[in-house]
Protein backbone atom coordinates (compact mmCIF):
# COMPACT_ATOMS: atom_id res chain seq x y z
CA MET A 1 10.51 -11.02 -32.75
CA ASP A 2 13.60 -12.12 -34.94
CA ILE A 3 11.66 -12.55 -37.63
CA LEU A 4 10.80 -8.17 -37.24
CA LEU A 5 14.29 -7.18 -36.99
CA TRP A 6 15.33 -9.14 -39.74
CA MET A 7 12.20 -7.41 -41.48
CA LEU A 8 13.21 -4.27 -40.37
CA PHE A 9 16.87 -4.44 -41.16
CA GLY A 10 16.03 -5.78 -44.38
CA ALA A 11 13.86 -2.67 -45.65
CA ILE A 12 16.53 -0.12 -44.44
CA THR A 13 19.64 -1.42 -45.86
CA ALA A 14 17.59 -2.40 -49.21
CA TRP A 15 16.72 1.74 -48.42
CA ILE A 16 19.62 2.94 -48.49
CA ALA A 17 20.85 0.70 -51.18
CA THR A 18 18.63 1.75 -53.55
CA ILE A 19 19.72 5.50 -52.69
CA THR A 20 23.52 5.13 -52.95
CA MET A 21 22.60 2.59 -56.58
CA GLY A 22 20.40 4.70 -58.05
CA TYR A 23 18.11 2.02 -58.51
CA LYS A 24 14.80 3.66 -59.69
CA SER A 25 12.29 0.74 -58.19
CA ARG A 26 12.59 1.29 -54.66
CA LEU A 27 9.51 0.17 -53.81
CA GLN A 28 10.55 -3.08 -55.37
CA CYS A 29 14.02 -2.99 -54.18
CA VAL A 30 12.92 -2.94 -50.85
CA CYS A 31 10.59 -5.46 -51.07
CA ALA A 32 13.54 -7.86 -52.28
CA GLY A 33 15.46 -6.65 -48.92
CA VAL A 34 12.78 -7.26 -46.80
CA ILE A 35 12.50 -11.06 -48.04
CA GLY A 36 16.21 -11.23 -48.45
CA ALA A 37 17.17 -10.82 -44.82
CA VAL A 38 14.50 -12.86 -44.04
CA LEU A 39 15.12 -15.99 -45.68
CA ALA A 40 18.59 -15.29 -44.53
CA GLY A 41 17.97 -15.40 -41.29
CA LEU A 42 15.86 -18.44 -41.54
CA ALA A 43 18.64 -20.08 -43.25
CA MET A 44 21.40 -19.51 -40.73
CA GLN A 45 18.70 -20.23 -38.02
CA SER A 46 18.40 -23.54 -39.70
CA LEU A 47 22.24 -24.11 -39.99
CA THR A 48 23.38 -22.99 -36.57
CA GLY A 49 20.29 -24.45 -34.95
CA LYS A 50 19.62 -21.56 -32.19
CA SER A 51 17.38 -19.35 -32.57
CA GLN A 52 18.95 -15.62 -33.17
CA ASP A 53 16.89 -13.69 -30.24
CA GLY A 54 16.88 -9.85 -29.56
CA LEU A 55 19.17 -7.79 -31.33
CA ASN A 56 22.84 -8.64 -32.25
CA TYR A 57 25.56 -8.18 -34.47
CA PHE A 58 24.68 -11.96 -35.36
CA SER A 59 21.61 -11.12 -36.51
CA LEU A 60 22.49 -7.49 -38.18
CA ILE A 61 25.26 -8.65 -40.54
CA VAL A 62 22.80 -12.35 -41.38
CA SER A 63 19.78 -9.57 -42.17
CA VAL A 64 22.30 -7.45 -43.90
CA ALA A 65 23.80 -9.66 -46.25
CA GLY A 66 20.87 -11.48 -47.57
CA SER A 67 19.29 -8.18 -47.97
CA LEU A 68 21.86 -6.77 -50.38
CA LEU A 69 22.21 -10.03 -52.12
CA LEU A 70 18.50 -10.13 -53.40
CA VAL A 71 18.44 -6.22 -53.64
CA VAL A 72 21.15 -6.66 -56.01
CA VAL A 73 19.95 -9.29 -58.34
CA THR A 74 16.43 -8.20 -58.42
CA ALA A 75 17.73 -4.31 -59.35
CA ASN A 76 19.94 -6.38 -62.08
CA LEU A 77 17.30 -8.34 -63.29
CA ILE A 78 14.79 -5.05 -63.51
CA MET A 79 17.28 -3.02 -65.00
CA GLN A 80 17.80 -5.85 -67.59
CA SER A 81 14.31 -5.92 -68.47
CA HIS A 82 14.10 -2.33 -68.91
CA ASN A 83 17.21 -2.10 -71.43
CA ARG A 84 14.82 -5.21 -73.82
CA GLN A 85 12.19 -3.35 -73.52
CA ARG A 86 13.59 -0.51 -75.49
């Protein structure tokens, strides 16, 4: 259940980030947000040794941070590749 919540938090965070930051490639960023949230959740789960079950602040913060990190990196790489093609 925790992975589904991370995916949901990641998708919502990435979608909001694409709107507020004006990214054109929304679908790619939302996919990156979901992946970032899951990776961050799994990393924290392995580091702490605890399963983050259910909806809590720790799961929310970790998934949002992982999502934002990967969305910003992905969006910047996409923008750089578009600028090189011109």
